[in-house]
């Protein structure tokens, strides 16, 4: 809805000026890496607590539970 509203006002949506596109791609890459590292850290943290016994083995979460979609729905409150 947000993008439709912008397009209706005749704004052009692109990646910005050519001289800034490398910076935009770099930022996108940085945020993607940060997201991957964050999810890996959550998975490792879960394993650590299971290993230490602060989380029961029955409550261990497999790596699939730390997918992009799961994390952003459950932590970020995003809806698809």
PDB file of N, CA and C in Angstrom:
ATOM      1  N   UNK A   1       0.826  -1.191   0.000  1.00  0.00           N
ATOM      2  CA  UNK A   1       0.000   0.000   0.000  1.00  0.00           C
ATOM      3  C   UNK A   1       0.872   1.257   0.000  1.00  0.00           C
ATOM      4  N   UNK A   2       1.962   1.204   0.760  1.00  0.00           N
ATOM      5  CA  UNK A   2       2.865   2.347   0.838  1.00  0.00           C
ATOM      6  C   UNK A   2       3.438   2.678  -0.535  1.00  0.00           C
ATOM      7  N   UNK A   3       3.951   1.648  -1.228  1.00  0.00           N
ATOM      8  CA  UNK A   3       4.546   1.877  -2.548  1.00  0.00           C
ATOM      9  C   UNK A   3       3.509   2.310  -3.571  1.00  0.00           C
ATOM     10  N   UNK A   4       2.317   1.761  -3.481  1.00  0.00           N
ATOM     11  CA  UNK A   4       1.247   2.164  -4.402  1.00  0.00           C
ATOM     12  C   UNK A   4       0.928   3.642  -4.209  1.00  0.00           C
ATOM     13  N   UNK A   5       0.862   4.072  -2.942  1.00  0.00           N
ATOM     14  CA  UNK A   5       0.610   5.484  -2.650  1.00  0.00           C
ATOM     15  C   UNK A   5       1.684   6.393  -3.216  1.00  0.00           C
ATOM     16  N   UNK A   6       2.926   5.950  -3.146  1.00  0.00           N
ATOM     17  CA  UNK A   6       4.028   6.748  -3.699  1.00  0.00           C
ATOM     18  C   UNK A   6       3.924   6.816  -5.219  1.00  0.00           C
ATOM     19  N   UNK A   7       3.646   5.675  -5.855  1.00  0.00           N
ATOM     20  CA  UNK A   7       3.539   5.654  -7.318  1.00  0.00           C
ATOM     21  C   UNK A   7       2.371   6.509  -7.797  1.00  0.00           C
ATOM     22  N   UNK A   8       1.271   6.528  -7.048  1.00  0.00           N
ATOM     23  CA  UNK A   8       0.120   7.345  -7.438  1.00  0.00           C
ATOM     24  C   UNK A   8       0.445   8.830  -7.428  1.00  0.00           C
ATOM     25  N   UNK A   9       1.437   9.220  -6.618  1.00  0.00           N
ATOM     26  CA  UNK A   9       1.853  10.630  -6.575  1.00  0.00           C
ATOM     27  C   UNK A   9       2.937  10.929  -7.598  1.00  0.00           C
ATOM     28  N   UNK A  10       3.173   9.978  -8.523  1.00  0.00           N
ATOM     29  CA  UNK A  10       4.120  10.123  -9.625  1.00  0.00           C
ATOM     30  C   UNK A  10       5.581  10.233  -9.185  1.00  0.00           C
ATOM     31  N   UNK A  11       5.902   9.679  -8.032  1.00  0.00           N
ATOM     32  CA  UNK A  11       7.303   9.594  -7.642  1.00  0.00           C
ATOM     33  C   UNK A  11       7.929   8.404  -8.353  1.00  0.00           C
ATOM     34  N   UNK A  12       9.190   8.531  -8.735  1.00  0.00           N
ATOM     35  CA  UNK A  12       9.903   7.450  -9.399  1.00  0.00           C
ATOM     36  C   UNK A  12      10.664   6.669  -8.330  1.00  0.00           C
ATOM     37  N   UNK A  13      10.442   5.353  -8.306  1.00  0.00           N
ATOM     38  CA  UNK A  13      11.113   4.500  -7.337  1.00  0.00           C
ATOM     39  C   UNK A  13      12.241   3.777  -8.053  1.00  0.00           C
ATOM     40  N   UNK A  14      13.478   4.054  -7.625  1.00  0.00           N
ATOM     41  CA  UNK A  14      14.644   3.374  -8.198  1.00  0.00           C
ATOM     42  C   UNK A  14      15.696   3.218  -7.110  1.00  0.00           C
ATOM     43  N   UNK A  15      16.896   2.876  -7.506  1.00  0.00           N
ATOM     44  CA  UNK A  15      17.962   2.681  -6.527  1.00  0.00           C
ATOM     45  C   UNK A  15      18.756   3.951  -6.281  1.00  0.00           C
ATOM     46  N   UNK A  16      18.242   5.076  -6.650  1.00  0.00           N
ATOM     47  CA  UNK A  16      18.930   6.333  -6.411  1.00  0.00           C
ATOM     48  C   UNK A  16      19.919   6.673  -7.508  1.00  0.00           C
ATOM     49  N   UNK A  17      20.681   7.743  -7.292  1.00  0.00           N
ATOM     50  CA  UNK A  17      21.656   8.166  -8.292  1.00  0.00           C
ATOM     51  C   UNK A  17      22.704   7.076  -8.550  1.00  0.00           C
ATOM     52  N   UNK A  18      23.193   7.009  -9.779  1.00  0.00           N
ATOM     53  CA  UNK A  18      24.168   5.981 -10.151  1.00  0.00           C
ATOM     54  C   UNK A  18      25.383   6.020  -9.229  1.00  0.00           C
ATOM     55  N   UNK A  19      25.849   7.208  -8.843  1.00  0.00           N
ATOM     56  CA  UNK A  19      27.042   7.302  -7.997  1.00  0.00           C
ATOM     57  C   UNK A  19      26.808   6.721  -6.595  1.00  0.00           C
ATOM     58  N   UNK A  20      25.550   6.596  -6.160  1.00  0.00           N
ATOM     59  CA  UNK A  20      25.252   6.067  -4.822  1.00  0.00           C
ATOM     60  C   UNK A  20      24.841   4.594  -4.831  1.00  0.00           C
ATOM     61  N   UNK A  21      24.654   4.010  -5.999  1.00  0.00           N
ATOM     62  CA  UNK A  21      24.140   2.638  -6.063  1.00  0.00           C
ATOM     63  C   UNK A  21      25.078   1.625  -5.435  1.00  0.00           C
ATOM     64  N   UNK A  22      26.382   1.837  -5.570  1.00  0.00           N
ATOM     65  CA  UNK A  22      27.326   0.930  -4.941  1.00  0.00           C
ATOM     66  C   UNK A  22      27.147   0.964  -3.427  1.00  0.00           C
ATOM     67  N   UNK A  23      26.931   2.146  -2.865  1.00  0.00           N
ATOM     68  CA  UNK A  23      26.726   2.279  -1.425  1.00  0.00           C
ATOM     69  C   UNK A  23      25.443   1.572  -0.998  1.00  0.00           C
ATOM     70  N   UNK A  24      24.404   1.682  -1.812  1.00  0.00           N
ATOM     71  CA  UNK A  24      23.136   1.027  -1.494  1.00  0.00           C
ATOM     72  C   UNK A  24      23.322  -0.480  -1.509  1.00  0.00           C
ATOM     73  N   UNK A  25      24.013  -0.998  -2.531  1.00  0.00           N
ATOM     74  CA  UNK A  25      24.264  -2.430  -2.597  1.00  0.00           C
ATOM     75  C   UNK A  25      25.131  -2.889  -1.437  1.00  0.00           C
ATOM     76  N   UNK A  26      26.105  -2.056  -1.043  1.00  0.00           N
ATOM     77  CA  UNK A  26      26.963  -2.392   0.082  1.00  0.00           C
ATOM     78  C   UNK A  26      26.143  -2.463   1.368  1.00  0.00           C
ATOM     79  N   UNK A  27      25.258  -1.493   1.551  1.00  0.00           N
ATOM     80  CA  UNK A  27      24.420  -1.479   2.749  1.00  0.00           C
ATOM     81  C   UNK A  27      23.503  -2.687   2.778  1.00  0.00           C
ATOM     82  N   UNK A  28      22.926  -3.032   1.636  1.00  0.00           N
ATOM     83  CA  UNK A  28      22.060  -4.204   1.553  1.00  0.00           C
ATOM     84  C   UNK A  28      22.851  -5.458   1.917  1.00  0.00           C
ATOM     85  N   UNK A  29      24.061  -5.563   1.400  1.00  0.00           N
ATOM     86  CA  UNK A  29      24.917  -6.711   1.694  1.00  0.00           C
ATOM     87  C   UNK A  29      25.275  -6.744   3.176  1.00  0.00           C
ATOM     88  N   UNK A  30      25.579  -5.583   3.746  1.00  0.00           N
ATOM     89  CA  UNK A  30      25.916  -5.501   5.172  1.00  0.00           C
ATOM     90  C   UNK A  30      24.741  -5.950   6.037  1.00  0.00           C
ATOM     91  N   UNK A  31      23.547  -5.458   5.725  1.00  0.00           N
ATOM     92  CA  UNK A  31      22.371  -5.831   6.513  1.00  0.00           C
ATOM     93  C   UNK A  31      22.045  -7.307   6.363  1.00  0.00           C
ATOM     94  N   UNK A  32      22.246  -7.844   5.178  1.00  0.00           N
ATOM     95  CA  UNK A  32      22.026  -9.267   4.960  1.00  0.00           C
ATOM     96  C   UNK A  32      23.001 -10.087   5.800  1.00  0.00           C
ATOM     97  N   UNK A  33      24.273  -9.703   5.811  1.00  0.00           N
ATOM     98  CA  UNK A  33      25.274 -10.408   6.619  1.00  0.00           C
ATOM     99  C   UNK A  33      24.955 -10.306   8.103  1.00  0.00           C
ATOM    100  N   UNK A  34      24.535  -9.127   8.529  1.00  0.00           N
ATOM    101  CA  UNK A  34      24.167  -8.926   9.928  1.00  0.00           C
ATOM    102  C   UNK A  34      23.006  -9.833  10.318  1.00  0.00           C
ATOM    103  N   UNK A  35      22.024  -9.930   9.442  1.00  0.00           N
ATOM    104  CA  UNK A  35      20.869 -10.786   9.691  1.00  0.00           C
ATOM    105  C   UNK A  35      21.283 -12.260   9.797  1.00  0.00           C
ATOM    106  N   UNK A  36      22.134 -12.706   8.881  1.00  0.00           N
ATOM    107  CA  UNK A  36      22.594 -14.098   8.896  1.00  0.00           C
ATOM    108  C   UNK A  36      23.380 -14.374  10.170  1.00  0.00           C
ATOM    109  N   UNK A  37      24.273 -13.463  10.539  1.00  0.00           N
ATOM    110  CA  UNK A  37      25.065 -13.637  11.759  1.00  0.00           C
ATOM    111  C   UNK A  37      24.180 -13.650  12.997  1.00  0.00           C
ATOM    112  N   UNK A  38      23.167 -12.794  13.023  1.00  0.00           N
ATOM    113  CA  UNK A  38      22.250 -12.733  14.162  1.00  0.00           C
ATOM    114  C   UNK A  38      21.502 -14.054  14.329  1.00  0.00           C
ATOM    115  N   UNK A  39      20.998 -14.592  13.216  1.00  0.00           N
ATOM    116  CA  UNK A  39      20.265 -15.858  13.290  1.00  0.00           C
ATOM    117  C   UNK A  39      21.181 -17.009  13.679  1.00  0.00           C
ATOM    118  N   UNK A  40      22.415 -17.002  13.196  1.00  0.00           N
ATOM    119  CA  UNK A  40      23.389 -18.036  13.568  1.00  0.00           C
ATOM    120  C   UNK A  40      23.720 -17.937  15.060  1.00  0.00           C
ATOM    121  N   UNK A  41      23.830 -16.713  15.558  1.00  0.00           N
ATOM    122  CA  UNK A  41      24.104 -16.496  16.971  1.00  0.00           C
ATOM    123  C   UNK A  41      22.956 -17.024  17.841  1.00  0.00           C
ATOM    124  N   UNK A  42      21.726 -16.785  17.418  1.00  0.00           N
ATOM    125  CA  UNK A  42      20.579 -17.311  18.169  1.00  0.00           C
ATOM    126  C   UNK A  42      20.592 -18.830  18.215  1.00  0.00           C
ATOM    127  N   UNK A  43      20.901 -19.443  17.085  1.00  0.00           N
ATOM    128  CA  UNK A  43      20.967 -20.903  17.010  1.00  0.00           C
ATOM    129  C   UNK A  43      22.065 -21.436  17.935  1.00  0.00           C
ATOM    130  N   UNK A  44      23.257 -20.828  17.892  1.00  0.00           N
ATOM    131  CA  UNK A  44      24.357 -21.250  18.753  1.00  0.00           C
ATOM    132  C   UNK A  44      24.045 -21.031  20.229  1.00  0.00           C
ATOM    133  N   UNK A  45      23.365 -19.951  20.535  1.00  0.00           N
ATOM    134  CA  UNK A  45      22.979 -19.652  21.917  1.00  0.00           C
ATOM    135  C   UNK A  45      22.017 -20.723  22.443  1.00  0.00           C
ATOM    136  N   UNK A  46      21.083 -21.129  21.605  1.00  0.00           N
ATOM    137  CA  UNK A  46      20.153 -22.191  21.975  1.00  0.00           C
ATOM    138  C   UNK A  46      20.917 -23.493  22.247  1.00  0.00           C
ATOM    139  N   UNK A  47      21.854 -23.832  21.369  1.00  0.00           N
ATOM    140  CA  UNK A  47      22.666 -25.039  21.563  1.00  0.00           C
ATOM    141  C   UNK A  47      23.475 -24.976  22.851  1.00  0.00           C
ATOM    142  N   UNK A  48      24.026 -23.808  23.141  1.00  0.00           N
ATOM    143  CA  UNK A  48      24.816 -23.626  24.359  1.00  0.00           C
ATOM    144  C   UNK A  48      23.974 -23.935  25.601  1.00  0.00           C
ATOM    145  N   UNK A  49      22.758 -23.387  25.651  1.00  0.00           N
ATOM    146  CA  UNK A  49      21.907 -23.594  26.825  1.00  0.00           C
ATOM    147  C   UNK A  49      21.431 -25.039  26.951  1.00  0.00           C
ATOM    148  N   UNK A  50      21.213 -25.695  25.835  1.00  0.00           N
ATOM    149  CA  UNK A  50      20.857 -27.114  25.882  1.00  0.00           C
ATOM    150  C   UNK A  50      22.043 -27.904  26.422  1.00  0.00           C
ATOM    151  N   UNK A  51      23.253 -27.585  25.940  1.00  0.00           N
ATOM    152  CA  UNK A  51      24.468 -28.268  26.381  1.00  0.00           C
ATOM    153  C   UNK A  51      24.705 -28.051  27.878  1.00  0.00           C
ATOM    154  N   UNK A  52      24.488 -26.830  28.366  1.00  0.00           N
ATOM    155  CA  UNK A  52      24.689 -26.505  29.778  1.00  0.00           C
ATOM    156  C   UNK A  52      23.564 -27.025  30.669  1.00  0.00           C
ATOM    157  N   UNK A  53      22.434 -27.378  30.075  1.00  0.00           N
ATOM    158  CA  UNK A  53      21.323 -27.900  30.852  1.00  0.00           C
ATOM    159  C   UNK A  53      20.322 -26.866  31.318  1.00  0.00           C
ATOM    160  N   UNK A  54      20.478 -25.611  30.923  1.00  0.00           N
ATOM    161  CA  UNK A  54      19.501 -24.590  31.316  1.00  0.00           C
ATOM    162  C   UNK A  54      18.242 -24.660  30.453  1.00  0.00           C
ATOM    163  N   UNK A  55      18.347 -25.342  29.308  1.00  0.00           N
ATOM    164  CA  UNK A  55      17.183 -25.637  28.467  1.00  0.00           C
ATOM    165  C   UNK A  55      17.139 -27.155  28.317  1.00  0.00           C
ATOM    166  N   UNK A  56      15.959 -27.725  28.544  1.00  0.00           N
ATOM    167  CA  UNK A  56      15.832 -29.183  28.404  1.00  0.00           C
ATOM    168  C   UNK A  56      16.091 -29.611  26.970  1.00  0.00           C
ATOM    169  N   UNK A  57      16.599 -30.819  26.824  1.00  0.00           N
ATOM    170  CA  UNK A  57      16.891 -31.342  25.490  1.00  0.00           C
ATOM    171  C   UNK A  57      15.633 -31.412  24.622  1.00  0.00           C
ATOM    172  N   UNK A  58      14.504 -31.636  25.241  1.00  0.00           N
ATOM    173  CA  UNK A  58      13.232 -31.689  24.501  1.00  0.00           C
ATOM    174  C   UNK A  58      12.893 -30.335  23.862  1.00  0.00           C
ATOM    175  N   UNK A  59      13.427 -29.262  24.434  1.00  0.00           N
ATOM    176  CA  UNK A  59      13.125 -27.919  23.934  1.00  0.00           C
ATOM    177  C   UNK A  59      14.169 -27.400  22.955  1.00  0.00           C
ATOM    178  N   UNK A  60      15.120 -28.254  22.563  1.00  0.00           N
ATOM    179  CA  UNK A  60      16.133 -27.853  21.586  1.00  0.00           C
ATOM    180  C   UNK A  60      15.452 -27.500  20.268  1.00  0.00           C
ATOM    181  N   UNK A  61      15.897 -26.444  19.623  1.00  0.00           N
ATOM    182  CA  UNK A  61      15.304 -25.992  18.364  1.00  0.00           C
ATOM    183  C   UNK A  61      16.248 -26.281  17.204  1.00  0.00           C
ATOM    184  N   UNK A  62      15.761 -26.896  16.144  1.00  0.00           N
ATOM    185  CA  UNK A  62      16.612 -27.154  14.978  1.00  0.00           C
ATOM    186  C   UNK A  62      16.898 -25.857  14.219  1.00  0.00           C
ATOM    187  N   UNK A  63      17.876 -25.906  13.346  1.00  0.00           N
ATOM    188  CA  UNK A  63      18.306 -24.724  12.593  1.00  0.00           C
ATOM    189  C   UNK A  63      17.158 -24.102  11.785  1.00  0.00           C
ATOM    190  N   UNK A  64      16.232 -24.925  11.299  1.00  0.00           N
ATOM    191  CA  UNK A  64      15.117 -24.377  10.499  1.00  0.00           C
ATOM    192  C   UNK A  64      14.291 -23.353  11.278  1.00  0.00           C
ATOM    193  N   UNK A  65      14.266 -23.487  12.590  1.00  0.00           N
ATOM    194  CA  UNK A  65      13.497 -22.542  13.410  1.00  0.00           C
ATOM    195  C   UNK A  65      14.129 -21.156  13.420  1.00  0.00           C
ATOM    196  N   UNK A  66      15.366 -21.060  12.951  1.00  0.00           N
ATOM    197  CA  UNK A  66      16.063 -19.784  12.922  1.00  0.00           C
ATOM    198  C   UNK A  66      16.168 -19.243  11.500  1.00  0.00           C
ATOM    199  N   UNK A  67      15.192 -19.587  10.684  1.00  0.00           N
ATOM    200  CA  UNK A  67      15.166 -19.084   9.309  1.00  0.00           C
ATOM    201  C   UNK A  67      14.789 -17.604   9.322  1.00  0.00           C
ATOM    202  N   UNK A  68      15.046 -16.941   8.220  1.00  0.00           N
ATOM    203  CA  UNK A  68      14.718 -15.520   8.101  1.00  0.00           C
ATOM    204  C   UNK A  68      13.246 -15.280   8.419  1.00  0.00           C
ATOM    205  N   UNK A  69      12.394 -16.086   7.827  1.00  0.00           N
ATOM    206  CA  UNK A  69      10.950 -15.900   8.004  1.00  0.00           C
ATOM    207  C   UNK A  69      10.516 -16.099   9.450  1.00  0.00           C
ATOM    208  N   UNK A  70      10.979 -17.175  10.087  1.00  0.00           N
ATOM    209  CA  UNK A  70      10.605 -17.436  11.480  1.00  0.00           C
ATOM    210  C   UNK A  70      11.056 -16.321  12.413  1.00  0.00           C
ATOM    211  N   UNK A  71      12.288 -15.893  12.275  1.00  0.00           N
ATOM    212  CA  UNK A  71      12.818 -14.867  13.165  1.00  0.00           C
ATOM    213  C   UNK A  71      12.060 -13.556  12.991  1.00  0.00           C
ATOM    214  N   UNK A  72      11.820 -13.149  11.762  1.00  0.00           N
ATOM    215  CA  UNK A  72      11.177 -11.856  11.548  1.00  0.00           C
ATOM    216  C   UNK A  72       9.687 -11.873  11.867  1.00  0.00           C
ATOM    217  N   UNK A  73       9.065 -13.014  11.818  1.00  0.00           N
ATOM    218  CA  UNK A  73       7.663 -13.107  12.235  1.00  0.00           C
ATOM    219  C   UNK A  73       7.579 -13.106  13.754  1.00  0.00           C
ATOM    220  N   UNK A  74       8.408 -13.939  14.413  1.00  0.00           N
ATOM    221  CA  UNK A  74       8.292 -14.124  15.850  1.00  0.00           C
ATOM    222  C   UNK A  74       8.946 -13.012  16.672  1.00  0.00           C
ATOM    223  N   UNK A  75      10.052 -12.458  16.209  1.00  0.00           N
ATOM    224  CA  UNK A  75      10.725 -11.405  16.958  1.00  0.00           C
ATOM    225  C   UNK A  75      10.316 -10.037  16.452  1.00  0.00           C
ATOM    226  N   UNK A  76      10.308  -9.872  15.153  1.00  0.00           N
ATOM    227  CA  UNK A  76      10.033  -8.566  14.580  1.00  0.00           C
ATOM    228  C   UNK A  76       8.556  -8.246  14.437  1.00  0.00           C
ATOM    229  N   UNK A  77       7.703  -9.245  14.603  1.00  0.00           N
ATOM    230  CA  UNK A  77       6.274  -9.013  14.480  1.00  0.00           C
ATOM    231  C   UNK A  77       5.828  -8.748  13.046  1.00  0.00           C
ATOM    232  N   UNK A  78       6.669  -9.077  12.061  1.00  0.00           N
ATOM    233  CA  UNK A  78       6.296  -8.869  10.660  1.00  0.00           C
ATOM    234  C   UNK A  78       5.255  -9.890  10.236  1.00  0.00           C
ATOM    235  N   UNK A  79       4.408  -9.508   9.346  1.00  0.00           N
ATOM    236  CA  UNK A  79       3.412 -10.429   8.790  1.00  0.00           C
ATOM    237  C   UNK A  79       3.619 -10.510   7.297  1.00  0.00           C
ATOM    238  N   UNK A  80       3.463 -11.690   6.727  1.00  0.00           N
ATOM    239  CA  UNK A  80       3.704 -11.892   5.297  1.00  0.00           C
ATOM    240  C   UNK A  80       2.432 -11.750   4.523  1.00  0.00           C
TER     241      UNK A  80
END
